[in-house]
Protein backbone atom coordinates (compact mmCIF):
# COMPACT_ATOMS: atom_id res chain seq x y z
CA UNK A 1 -167.79 264.66 48.53
CA UNK A 2 -169.12 261.25 47.48
CA UNK A 3 -171.25 260.28 50.49
CA UNK A 4 -172.81 256.84 50.15
CA UNK A 5 -170.75 255.91 47.07
CA UNK A 6 -168.16 253.17 47.51
CA UNK A 7 -165.58 251.60 45.23
CA UNK A 8 -166.96 248.34 43.86
CA UNK A 9 -170.58 249.54 43.94
CA UNK A 10 -172.77 248.96 40.91
CA UNK A 11 -174.35 252.15 39.63
CA UNK A 12 -176.74 253.66 37.11
CA UNK A 13 -176.14 256.97 35.38
CA UNK A 14 -178.63 259.26 33.67
CA UNK A 15 -179.82 257.58 30.47
CA UNK A 16 -179.64 254.16 32.15
CA UNK A 17 -175.96 253.62 31.47
CA UNK A 18 -174.60 251.19 34.03
CA UNK A 19 -171.24 250.34 35.47
CA UNK A 20 -169.04 249.92 38.51
CA UNK A 21 -167.50 252.58 40.73
CA UNK A 22 -163.73 252.16 40.47
CA UNK A 23 -162.29 255.48 41.67
CA UNK A 24 -163.37 258.29 44.03
CA UNK A 25 -161.50 261.48 44.84
CA UNK A 26 -160.43 264.95 43.79
CA UNK A 27 -158.86 264.72 40.32
CA UNK A 28 -156.26 267.05 38.83
CA UNK A 29 -158.58 268.01 35.94
CA UNK A 30 -161.41 269.59 37.98
CA UNK A 31 -162.33 270.91 41.43
CA UNK A 32 -164.21 268.84 43.96
CA UNK A 33 -164.74 265.12 44.35
CA UNK A 34 -165.48 262.98 41.31
CA UNK A 35 -166.40 259.34 40.77
CA UNK A 36 -164.67 257.19 38.16
CA UNK A 37 -166.98 254.65 36.54
CA UNK A 38 -166.06 251.60 34.47
CA UNK A 39 -169.08 251.34 32.18
CA UNK A 40 -170.63 248.08 30.97
CA UNK A 41 -170.74 249.35 27.38
CA UNK A 42 -168.41 251.61 25.34
CA UNK A 43 -170.39 254.81 25.91
CA UNK A 44 -167.77 256.66 27.95
CA UNK A 45 -165.10 259.24 27.23
CA UNK A 46 -161.82 257.57 28.17
CA UNK A 47 -159.90 254.54 29.43
CA UNK A 48 -159.47 255.90 32.95
CA UNK A 49 -156.83 258.41 31.82
CA UNK A 50 -157.47 262.16 31.64
CA UNK A 51 -154.88 264.68 30.45
CA UNK A 52 -152.12 262.07 30.65
CA UNK A 53 -152.86 260.94 34.23
CA UNK A 54 -154.21 257.44 34.84
CA UNK A 55 -156.85 257.22 37.57
CA UNK A 56 -158.05 253.67 36.81
CA UNK A 57 -157.77 251.13 34.00
CA UNK A 58 -160.44 250.01 31.55
CA UNK A 59 -160.88 249.63 27.80
CA UNK A 60 -161.13 252.79 25.69
CA UNK A 61 -164.59 254.43 25.82
CA UNK A 62 -165.58 252.39 28.90
CA UNK A 63 -164.43 255.05 31.40
CA UNK A 64 -166.19 258.17 32.59
CA UNK A 65 -165.95 260.61 35.50
CA UNK A 66 -169.07 262.10 37.07
CA UNK A 67 -170.14 263.90 40.22
CA UNK A 68 -171.62 261.60 42.88
CA UNK A 69 -175.05 263.22 42.56
CA UNK A 70 -175.20 262.10 38.90
CA UNK A 71 -175.32 258.40 39.79
CA UNK A 72 -177.48 256.04 41.78
CA UNK A 73 -175.84 253.05 43.43
CA UNK A 74 -177.61 249.76 44.03
CA UNK A 75 -178.38 246.41 42.45
CA UNK A 76 -177.96 247.33 38.79
CA UNK A 77 -176.88 244.24 36.82
CA UNK A 78 -175.38 244.81 33.37
CA UNK A 79 -178.11 245.46 30.81
CA UNK A 80 -178.93 242.49 28.59
CA UNK A 81 -177.52 239.97 31.05
CA UNK A 82 -180.66 239.20 33.05
CA UNK A 83 -182.73 236.10 32.41
CA UNK A 84 -186.35 235.27 33.05
CA UNK A 85 -187.22 231.79 34.25
CA UNK A 86 -188.62 231.04 30.75
CA UNK A 87 -185.43 232.04 28.94
CA UNK A 88 -183.19 229.38 27.50
CA UNK A 89 -179.62 229.45 28.71
């Protein structure tokens, strides 16, 4: 299953892609439990729909499904949106 992964959690995938957990469960397209991620950048495979079934909603290419062991949850702000104290805002 997806122990320790909760909807609304920020996460990091292999390759440092980041996003938010928006769906957890056993999908119709594969066996086992999967995690639906809304990515921060358009590096995904879908819009939350797979084989005609909508699991969650996001823009095209911002959605991806992975196994829980393929992500790390924690304090992962969107890339490029962090500021140092010397940065101008």
